[in-house]
Amino acid sequence: MGLLNNLKSKLSPAKGKVSDLAQRHEDRIQHGIDKAAKVVDEKTKGKYSDRIHTGTDKAKGAMDRLAHKDEPGAGGDTFTPPTTPPPSS
């Protein structure tokens, strides 16, 4: 068994707990992300505002996907493999 597979098997029980915590504390996490972005923007005197805004949006999107992973259409794996084999040529 490879190192990555071993790591995945050890972390899989924690995945549900993290998702549950993210769902219960979604507002507080969003507020924390905004607060951190504001502090960094102030410290850099607005020089990197566009990059900070982009990073903040990505962090919020990732948190949303984590918090709502059990809901349909939440950005999870929606690919369903075909039931018939591909045509042979």
PDB file of N, CA and C in Angstrom:
ATOM      1  N   MET A   1       0.854  -1.177   0.000  1.00  0.00           N
ATOM      2  CA  MET A   1       0.000   0.000   0.000  1.00  0.00           C
ATOM      3  C   MET A   1       0.891   1.228   0.000  1.00  0.00           C
ATOM      4  N   GLY A   2       0.580   2.153  -0.884  1.00  0.00           N
ATOM      5  CA  GLY A   2       1.382   3.355  -1.015  1.00  0.00           C
ATOM      6  C   GLY A   2       1.143   4.340   0.115  1.00  0.00           C
ATOM      7  N   LEU A   3       2.030   5.265   0.220  1.00  0.00           N
ATOM      8  CA  LEU A   3       1.951   6.279   1.263  1.00  0.00           C
ATOM      9  C   LEU A   3       0.673   7.106   1.140  1.00  0.00           C
ATOM     10  N   LEU A   4       0.324   7.487  -0.084  1.00  0.00           N
ATOM     11  CA  LEU A   4      -0.879   8.299  -0.284  1.00  0.00           C
ATOM     12  C   LEU A   4      -2.140   7.523   0.090  1.00  0.00           C
ATOM     13  N   ASN A   5      -2.213   6.267  -0.289  1.00  0.00           N
ATOM     14  CA  ASN A   5      -3.378   5.454   0.075  1.00  0.00           C
ATOM     15  C   ASN A   5      -3.472   5.280   1.586  1.00  0.00           C
ATOM     16  N   ASN A   6      -2.345   5.092   2.234  1.00  0.00           N
ATOM     17  CA  ASN A   6      -2.306   4.951   3.690  1.00  0.00           C
ATOM     18  C   ASN A   6      -2.802   6.236   4.360  1.00  0.00           C
ATOM     19  N   LEU A   7      -2.346   7.356   3.850  1.00  0.00           N
ATOM     20  CA  LEU A   7      -2.763   8.647   4.394  1.00  0.00           C
ATOM     21  C   LEU A   7      -4.258   8.873   4.195  1.00  0.00           C
ATOM     22  N   LYS A   8      -4.772   8.537   3.008  1.00  0.00           N
ATOM     23  CA  LYS A   8      -6.206   8.692   2.739  1.00  0.00           C
ATOM     24  C   LYS A   8      -7.032   7.842   3.684  1.00  0.00           C
ATOM     25  N   SER A   9      -6.601   6.619   3.937  1.00  0.00           N
ATOM     26  CA  SER A   9      -7.371   5.740   4.817  1.00  0.00           C
ATOM     27  C   SER A   9      -7.365   6.242   6.256  1.00  0.00           C
ATOM     28  N   LYS A  10      -6.290   6.881   6.676  1.00  0.00           N
ATOM     29  CA  LYS A  10      -6.216   7.422   8.035  1.00  0.00           C
ATOM     30  C   LYS A  10      -7.065   8.677   8.190  1.00  0.00           C
ATOM     31  N   LEU A  11      -7.166   9.485   7.123  1.00  0.00           N
ATOM     32  CA  LEU A  11      -7.880  10.754   7.206  1.00  0.00           C
ATOM     33  C   LEU A  11      -9.360  10.653   6.868  1.00  0.00           C
ATOM     34  N   SER A  12      -9.806   9.570   6.285  1.00  0.00           N
ATOM     35  CA  SER A  12     -11.208   9.476   5.864  1.00  0.00           C
ATOM     36  C   SER A  12     -12.207   9.604   7.015  1.00  0.00           C
ATOM     37  N   PRO A  13     -11.953   9.080   8.233  1.00  0.00           N
ATOM     38  CA  PRO A  13     -12.927   9.292   9.312  1.00  0.00           C
ATOM     39  C   PRO A  13     -13.065  10.758   9.718  1.00  0.00           C
ATOM     40  N   ALA A  14     -12.031  11.534   9.573  1.00  0.00           N
ATOM     41  CA  ALA A  14     -12.075  12.942   9.969  1.00  0.00           C
ATOM     42  C   ALA A  14     -12.814  13.800   8.949  1.00  0.00           C
ATOM     43  N   LYS A  15     -12.960  13.319   7.719  1.00  0.00           N
ATOM     44  CA  LYS A  15     -13.586  14.104   6.662  1.00  0.00           C
ATOM     45  C   LYS A  15     -15.026  14.478   7.005  1.00  0.00           C
ATOM     46  N   GLY A  16     -15.777  13.550   7.526  1.00  0.00           N
ATOM     47  CA  GLY A  16     -17.160  13.831   7.902  1.00  0.00           C
ATOM     48  C   GLY A  16     -17.255  14.812   9.050  1.00  0.00           C
ATOM     49  N   LYS A  17     -16.354  14.687  10.009  1.00  0.00           N
ATOM     50  CA  LYS A  17     -16.360  15.596  11.156  1.00  0.00           C
ATOM     51  C   LYS A  17     -16.041  17.027  10.724  1.00  0.00           C
ATOM     52  N   VAL A  18     -15.065  17.169   9.846  1.00  0.00           N
ATOM     53  CA  VAL A  18     -14.683  18.494   9.365  1.00  0.00           C
ATOM     54  C   VAL A  18     -15.833  19.115   8.585  1.00  0.00           C
ATOM     55  N   SER A  19     -16.483  18.318   7.760  1.00  0.00           N
ATOM     56  CA  SER A  19     -17.621  18.817   6.992  1.00  0.00           C
ATOM     57  C   SER A  19     -18.751  19.264   7.916  1.00  0.00           C
ATOM     58  N   ASP A  20     -19.026  18.485   8.939  1.00  0.00           N
ATOM     59  CA  ASP A  20     -20.074  18.832   9.891  1.00  0.00           C
ATOM     60  C   ASP A  20     -19.742  20.128  10.628  1.00  0.00           C
ATOM     61  N   LEU A  21     -18.498  20.262  11.067  1.00  0.00           N
ATOM     62  CA  LEU A  21     -18.089  21.492  11.756  1.00  0.00           C
ATOM     63  C   LEU A  21     -18.165  22.700  10.826  1.00  0.00           C
ATOM     64  N   ALA A  22     -17.760  22.520   9.578  1.00  0.00           N
ATOM     65  CA  ALA A  22     -17.821  23.625   8.618  1.00  0.00           C
ATOM     66  C   ALA A  22     -19.264  24.035   8.369  1.00  0.00           C
ATOM     67  N   GLN A  23     -20.161  23.058   8.358  1.00  0.00           N
ATOM     68  CA  GLN A  23     -21.568  23.369   8.124  1.00  0.00           C
ATOM     69  C   GLN A  23     -22.177  24.099   9.325  1.00  0.00           C
ATOM     70  N   ARG A  24     -21.829  23.671  10.527  1.00  0.00           N
ATOM     71  CA  ARG A  24     -22.397  24.298  11.727  1.00  0.00           C
ATOM     72  C   ARG A  24     -21.857  25.691  11.972  1.00  0.00           C
ATOM     73  N   HIS A  25     -20.609  25.941  11.592  1.00  0.00           N
ATOM     74  CA  HIS A  25     -19.963  27.224  11.893  1.00  0.00           C
ATOM     75  C   HIS A  25     -19.655  28.024  10.630  1.00  0.00           C
ATOM     76  N   GLU A  26     -20.466  27.843   9.611  1.00  0.00           N
ATOM     77  CA  GLU A  26     -20.220  28.481   8.323  1.00  0.00           C
ATOM     78  C   GLU A  26     -20.133  30.005   8.431  1.00  0.00           C
ATOM     79  N   ASP A  27     -21.036  30.625   9.168  1.00  0.00           N
ATOM     80  CA  ASP A  27     -21.033  32.085   9.298  1.00  0.00           C
ATOM     81  C   ASP A  27     -19.767  32.594   9.981  1.00  0.00           C
ATOM     82  N   ARG A  28     -19.343  31.897  11.013  1.00  0.00           N
ATOM     83  CA  ARG A  28     -18.143  32.321  11.740  1.00  0.00           C
ATOM     84  C   ARG A  28     -16.893  32.168  10.876  1.00  0.00           C
ATOM     85  N   ILE A  29     -16.854  31.109  10.080  1.00  0.00           N
ATOM     86  CA  ILE A  29     -15.700  30.895   9.196  1.00  0.00           C
ATOM     87  C   ILE A  29     -15.659  31.977   8.120  1.00  0.00           C
ATOM     88  N   GLN A  30     -16.815  32.280   7.524  1.00  0.00           N
ATOM     89  CA  GLN A  30     -16.886  33.324   6.503  1.00  0.00           C
ATOM     90  C   GLN A  30     -16.425  34.665   7.086  1.00  0.00           C
ATOM     91  N   HIS A  31     -16.876  34.960   8.310  1.00  0.00           N
ATOM     92  CA  HIS A  31     -16.483  36.208   8.973  1.00  0.00           C
ATOM     93  C   HIS A  31     -14.968  36.227   9.205  1.00  0.00           C
ATOM     94  N   GLY A  32     -14.404  35.107   9.607  1.00  0.00           N
ATOM     95  CA  GLY A  32     -12.964  35.023   9.840  1.00  0.00           C
ATOM     96  C   GLY A  32     -12.158  35.232   8.574  1.00  0.00           C
ATOM     97  N   ILE A  33     -12.641  34.679   7.468  1.00  0.00           N
ATOM     98  CA  ILE A  33     -11.960  34.867   6.186  1.00  0.00           C
ATOM     99  C   ILE A  33     -11.982  36.339   5.796  1.00  0.00           C
ATOM    100  N   ASP A  34     -13.146  36.980   5.954  1.00  0.00           N
ATOM    101  CA  ASP A  34     -13.265  38.407   5.627  1.00  0.00           C
ATOM    102  C   ASP A  34     -12.365  39.260   6.518  1.00  0.00           C
ATOM    103  N   LYS A  35     -12.328  38.929   7.789  1.00  0.00           N
ATOM    104  CA  LYS A  35     -11.522  39.696   8.748  1.00  0.00           C
ATOM    105  C   LYS A  35     -10.030  39.569   8.421  1.00  0.00           C
ATOM    106  N   ALA A  36      -9.595  38.346   8.114  1.00  0.00           N
ATOM    107  CA  ALA A  36      -8.187  38.131   7.763  1.00  0.00           C
ATOM    108  C   ALA A  36      -7.832  38.871   6.473  1.00  0.00           C
ATOM    109  N   ALA A  37      -8.741  38.839   5.496  1.00  0.00           N
ATOM    110  CA  ALA A  37      -8.489  39.545   4.239  1.00  0.00           C
ATOM    111  C   ALA A  37      -8.374  41.044   4.469  1.00  0.00           C
ATOM    112  N   LYS A  38      -9.217  41.575   5.332  1.00  0.00           N
ATOM    113  CA  LYS A  38      -9.179  43.014   5.620  1.00  0.00           C
ATOM    114  C   LYS A  38      -7.858  43.406   6.285  1.00  0.00           C
ATOM    115  N   VAL A  39      -7.405  42.592   7.235  1.00  0.00           N
ATOM    116  CA  VAL A  39      -6.144  42.888   7.927  1.00  0.00           C
ATOM    117  C   VAL A  39      -4.977  42.850   6.946  1.00  0.00           C
ATOM    118  N   VAL A  40      -4.935  41.826   6.103  1.00  0.00           N
ATOM    119  CA  VAL A  40      -3.842  41.711   5.136  1.00  0.00           C
ATOM    120  C   VAL A  40      -3.884  42.875   4.149  1.00  0.00           C
ATOM    121  N   ASP A  41      -5.072  43.251   3.716  1.00  0.00           N
ATOM    122  CA  ASP A  41      -5.204  44.362   2.776  1.00  0.00           C
ATOM    123  C   ASP A  41      -4.723  45.666   3.414  1.00  0.00           C
ATOM    124  N   GLU A  42      -5.039  45.854   4.680  1.00  0.00           N
ATOM    125  CA  GLU A  42      -4.573  47.059   5.376  1.00  0.00           C
ATOM    126  C   GLU A  42      -3.059  47.050   5.542  1.00  0.00           C
ATOM    127  N   LYS A  43      -2.496  45.892   5.877  1.00  0.00           N
ATOM    128  CA  LYS A  43      -1.043  45.798   6.073  1.00  0.00           C
ATOM    129  C   LYS A  43      -0.283  46.037   4.779  1.00  0.00           C
ATOM    130  N   THR A  44      -0.852  45.637   3.650  1.00  0.00           N
ATOM    131  CA  THR A  44      -0.183  45.846   2.367  1.00  0.00           C
ATOM    132  C   THR A  44      -0.607  47.152   1.706  1.00  0.00           C
ATOM    133  N   LYS A  45      -1.396  47.942   2.432  1.00  0.00           N
ATOM    134  CA  LYS A  45      -1.848  49.261   1.981  1.00  0.00           C
ATOM    135  C   LYS A  45      -2.553  49.199   0.626  1.00  0.00           C
ATOM    136  N   GLY A  46      -3.339  48.144   0.431  1.00  0.00           N
ATOM    137  CA  GLY A  46      -4.139  48.018  -0.780  1.00  0.00           C
ATOM    138  C   GLY A  46      -3.388  47.613  -2.031  1.00  0.00           C
ATOM    139  N   LYS A  47      -2.099  47.345  -1.888  1.00  0.00           N
ATOM    140  CA  LYS A  47      -1.280  47.030  -3.057  1.00  0.00           C
ATOM    141  C   LYS A  47      -1.729  45.724  -3.734  1.00  0.00           C
ATOM    142  N   TYR A  48      -2.209  44.778  -2.955  1.00  0.00           N
ATOM    143  CA  TYR A  48      -2.586  43.467  -3.488  1.00  0.00           C
ATOM    144  C   TYR A  48      -4.083  43.193  -3.320  1.00  0.00           C
ATOM    145  N   SER A  49      -4.893  44.234  -3.350  1.00  0.00           N
ATOM    146  CA  SER A  49      -6.328  44.089  -3.109  1.00  0.00           C
ATOM    147  C   SER A  49      -6.986  43.089  -4.050  1.00  0.00           C
ATOM    148  N   ASP A  50      -6.641  43.153  -5.335  1.00  0.00           N
ATOM    149  CA  ASP A  50      -7.270  42.249  -6.290  1.00  0.00           C
ATOM    150  C   ASP A  50      -6.904  40.795  -6.003  1.00  0.00           C
ATOM    151  N   ARG A  51      -5.668  40.550  -5.653  1.00  0.00           N
ATOM    152  CA  ARG A  51      -5.238  39.177  -5.340  1.00  0.00           C
ATOM    153  C   ARG A  51      -5.849  38.687  -4.027  1.00  0.00           C
ATOM    154  N   ILE A  52      -5.952  39.577  -3.059  1.00  0.00           N
ATOM    155  CA  ILE A  52      -6.566  39.217  -1.783  1.00  0.00           C
ATOM    156  C   ILE A  52      -8.036  38.888  -1.989  1.00  0.00           C
ATOM    157  N   HIS A  53      -8.716  39.681  -2.802  1.00  0.00           N
ATOM    158  CA  HIS A  53     -10.130  39.442  -3.088  1.00  0.00           C
ATOM    159  C   HIS A  53     -10.319  38.099  -3.799  1.00  0.00           C
ATOM    160  N   THR A  54      -9.449  37.810  -4.762  1.00  0.00           N
ATOM    161  CA  THR A  54      -9.528  36.537  -5.480  1.00  0.00           C
ATOM    162  C   THR A  54      -9.300  35.365  -4.529  1.00  0.00           C
ATOM    163  N   GLY A  55      -8.304  35.472  -3.681  1.00  0.00           N
ATOM    164  CA  GLY A  55      -8.024  34.415  -2.713  1.00  0.00           C
ATOM    165  C   GLY A  55      -9.145  34.219  -1.713  1.00  0.00           C
ATOM    166  N   THR A  56      -9.737  35.322  -1.297  1.00  0.00           N
ATOM    167  CA  THR A  56     -10.864  35.250  -0.370  1.00  0.00           C
ATOM    168  C   THR A  56     -12.043  34.538  -1.013  1.00  0.00           C
ATOM    169  N   ASP A  57     -12.332  34.868  -2.268  1.00  0.00           N
ATOM    170  CA  ASP A  57     -13.429  34.203  -2.974  1.00  0.00           C
ATOM    171  C   ASP A  57     -13.178  32.704  -3.118  1.00  0.00           C
ATOM    172  N   LYS A  58     -11.949  32.338  -3.433  1.00  0.00           N
ATOM    173  CA  LYS A  58     -11.614  30.919  -3.573  1.00  0.00           C
ATOM    174  C   LYS A  58     -11.725  30.191  -2.235  1.00  0.00           C
ATOM    175  N   ALA A  59     -11.279  30.823  -1.161  1.00  0.00           N
ATOM    176  CA  ALA A  59     -11.369  30.207   0.162  1.00  0.00           C
ATOM    177  C   ALA A  59     -12.824  30.008   0.572  1.00  0.00           C
ATOM    178  N   LYS A  60     -13.654  31.005   0.298  1.00  0.00           N
ATOM    179  CA  LYS A  60     -15.082  30.886   0.629  1.00  0.00           C
ATOM    180  C   LYS A  60     -15.750  29.804  -0.217  1.00  0.00           C
ATOM    181  N   GLY A  61     -15.373  29.712  -1.471  1.00  0.00           N
ATOM    182  CA  GLY A  61     -15.929  28.673  -2.337  1.00  0.00           C
ATOM    183  C   GLY A  61     -15.547  27.280  -1.864  1.00  0.00           C
ATOM    184  N   ALA A  62     -14.295  27.112  -1.466  1.00  0.00           N
ATOM    185  CA  ALA A  62     -13.845  25.819  -0.961  1.00  0.00           C
ATOM    186  C   ALA A  62     -14.566  25.469   0.337  1.00  0.00           C
ATOM    187  N   MET A  63     -14.771  26.455   1.187  1.00  0.00           N
ATOM    188  CA  MET A  63     -15.474  26.214   2.441  1.00  0.00           C
ATOM    189  C   MET A  63     -16.931  25.843   2.179  1.00  0.00           C
ATOM    190  N   ASP A  64     -17.546  26.497   1.210  1.00  0.00           N
ATOM    191  CA  ASP A  64     -18.925  26.167   0.847  1.00  0.00           C
ATOM    192  C   ASP A  64     -19.030  24.739   0.337  1.00  0.00           C
ATOM    193  N   ARG A  65     -18.096  24.339  -0.510  1.00  0.00           N
ATOM    194  CA  ARG A  65     -18.121  22.964  -1.023  1.00  0.00           C
ATOM    195  C   ARG A  65     -17.935  21.961   0.103  1.00  0.00           C
ATOM    196  N   LEU A  66     -17.086  22.277   1.046  1.00  0.00           N
ATOM    197  CA  LEU A  66     -16.851  21.379   2.176  1.00  0.00           C
ATOM    198  C   LEU A  66     -18.074  21.302   3.080  1.00  0.00           C
ATOM    199  N   ALA A  67     -18.702  22.425   3.333  1.00  0.00           N
ATOM    200  CA  ALA A  67     -19.847  22.459   4.239  1.00  0.00           C
ATOM    201  C   ALA A  67     -21.093  21.827   3.626  1.00  0.00           C
ATOM    202  N   HIS A  68     -21.222  21.883   2.321  1.00  0.00           N
ATOM    203  CA  HIS A  68     -22.434  21.395   1.671  1.00  0.00           C
ATOM    204  C   HIS A  68     -22.150  20.216   0.751  1.00  0.00           C
ATOM    205  N   LYS A  69     -21.190  19.386   1.107  1.00  0.00           N
ATOM    206  CA  LYS A  69     -20.794  18.302   0.218  1.00  0.00           C
ATOM    207  C   LYS A  69     -21.855  17.220   0.084  1.00  0.00           C
ATOM    208  N   ASP A  70     -22.756  17.063   1.045  1.00  0.00           N
ATOM    209  CA  ASP A  70     -23.768  16.028   0.981  1.00  0.00           C
ATOM    210  C   ASP A  70     -24.984  16.440   0.168  1.00  0.00           C
ATOM    211  N   GLU A  71     -25.129  17.722  -0.123  1.00  0.00           N
ATOM    212  CA  GLU A  71     -26.288  18.201  -0.857  1.00  0.00           C
ATOM    213  C   GLU A  71     -26.079  17.975  -2.350  1.00  0.00           C
ATOM    214  N   PRO A  72     -27.132  17.637  -3.071  1.00  0.00           N
ATOM    215  CA  PRO A  72     -26.986  17.452  -4.520  1.00  0.00           C
ATOM    216  C   PRO A  72     -26.646  18.768  -5.197  1.00  0.00           C
ATOM    217  N   GLY A  73     -25.762  18.691  -6.176  1.00  0.00           N
ATOM    218  CA  GLY A  73     -25.357  19.888  -6.902  1.00  0.00           C
ATOM    219  C   GLY A  73     -24.415  20.769  -6.119  1.00  0.00           C
ATOM    220  N   ALA A  74     -23.731  20.202  -5.131  1.00  0.00           N
ATOM    221  CA  ALA A  74     -22.852  21.000  -4.292  1.00  0.00           C
ATOM    222  C   ALA A  74     -21.426  21.046  -4.824  1.00  0.00           C
ATOM    223  N   GLY A  75     -21.240  20.658  -6.083  1.00  0.00           N
ATOM    224  CA  GLY A  75     -19.905  20.723  -6.651  1.00  0.00           C
ATOM    225  C   GLY A  75     -19.133  19.449  -6.448  1.00  0.00           C
ATOM    226  N   GLY A  76     -19.788  18.401  -5.978  1.00  0.00           N
ATOM    227  CA  GLY A  76     -19.116  17.125  -5.805  1.00  0.00           C
ATOM    228  C   GLY A  76     -18.971  16.424  -7.136  1.00  0.00           C
ATOM    229  N   ASP A  77     -18.649  15.163  -7.103  1.00  0.00           N
ATOM    230  CA  ASP A  77     -18.479  14.380  -8.312  1.00  0.00           C
ATOM    231  C   ASP A  77     -19.851  14.057  -8.882  1.00  0.00           C
ATOM    232  N   THR A  78     -20.197  14.679  -9.984  1.00  0.00           N
ATOM    233  CA  THR A  78     -21.501  14.453 -10.586  1.00  0.00           C
ATOM    234  C   THR A  78     -21.398  13.593 -11.836  1.00  0.00           C
ATOM    235  N   PHE A  79     -20.214  13.108 -12.163  1.00  0.00           N
ATOM    236  CA  PHE A  79     -20.023  12.289 -13.346  1.00  0.00           C
ATOM    237  C   PHE A  79     -20.544  10.889 -13.092  1.00  0.00           C
ATOM    238  N   THR A  80     -21.404  10.412 -13.977  1.00  0.00           N
ATOM    239  CA  THR A  80     -21.903   9.049 -13.903  1.00  0.00           C
ATOM    240  C   THR A  80     -21.384   8.308 -15.117  1.00  0.00           C
ATOM    241  N   PRO A  81     -20.615   7.233 -14.901  1.00  0.00           N
ATOM    242  CA  PRO A  81     -20.061   6.521 -16.052  1.00  0.00           C
ATOM    243  C   PRO A  81     -21.174   5.852 -16.860  1.00  0.00           C
ATOM    244  N   PRO A  82     -20.985   5.724 -18.175  1.00  0.00           N
ATOM    245  CA  PRO A  82     -22.008   5.083 -18.997  1.00  0.00           C
ATOM    246  C   PRO A  82     -22.150   3.610 -18.649  1.00  0.00           C
ATOM    247  N   THR A  83     -23.367   3.080 -18.821  1.00  0.00           N
ATOM    248  CA  THR A  83     -23.607   1.681 -18.491  1.00  0.00           C
ATOM    249  C   THR A  83     -23.270   0.758 -19.653  1.00  0.00           C
ATOM    250  N   THR A  84     -23.162   1.321 -20.855  1.00  0.00           N
ATOM    251  CA  THR A  84     -22.804   0.498 -22.009  1.00  0.00           C
ATOM    252  C   THR A  84     -21.349   0.707 -22.350  1.00  0.00           C
ATOM    253  N   PRO A  85     -20.708  -0.327 -22.885  1.00  0.00           N
ATOM    254  CA  PRO A  85     -19.298  -0.166 -23.267  1.00  0.00           C
ATOM    255  C   PRO A  85     -19.173   0.747 -24.471  1.00  0.00           C
ATOM    256  N   PRO A  86     -18.027   1.370 -24.648  1.00  0.00           N
ATOM    257  CA  PRO A  86     -17.833   2.249 -25.812  1.00  0.00           C
ATOM    258  C   PRO A  86     -17.848   1.422 -27.100  1.00  0.00           C
ATOM    259  N   PRO A  87     -18.253   2.029 -28.204  1.00  0.00           N
ATOM    260  CA  PRO A  87     -18.302   1.294 -29.470  1.00  0.00           C
ATOM    261  C   PRO A  87     -16.892   0.927 -29.930  1.00  0.00           C
ATOM    262  N   SER A  88     -16.764  -0.254 -30.481  1.00  0.00           N
ATOM    263  CA  SER A  88     -15.454  -0.668 -31.002  1.00  0.00           C
ATOM    264  C   SER A  88     -15.380  -0.307 -32.467  1.00  0.00           C
ATOM    265  N   SER A  89     -14.193   0.131 -32.888  1.00  0.00           N
ATOM    266  CA  SER A  89     -14.070   0.532 -34.290  1.00  0.00           C
ATOM    267  C   SER A  89     -13.115  -0.334 -35.039  1.00  0.00           C
TER     268      SER A  89
END
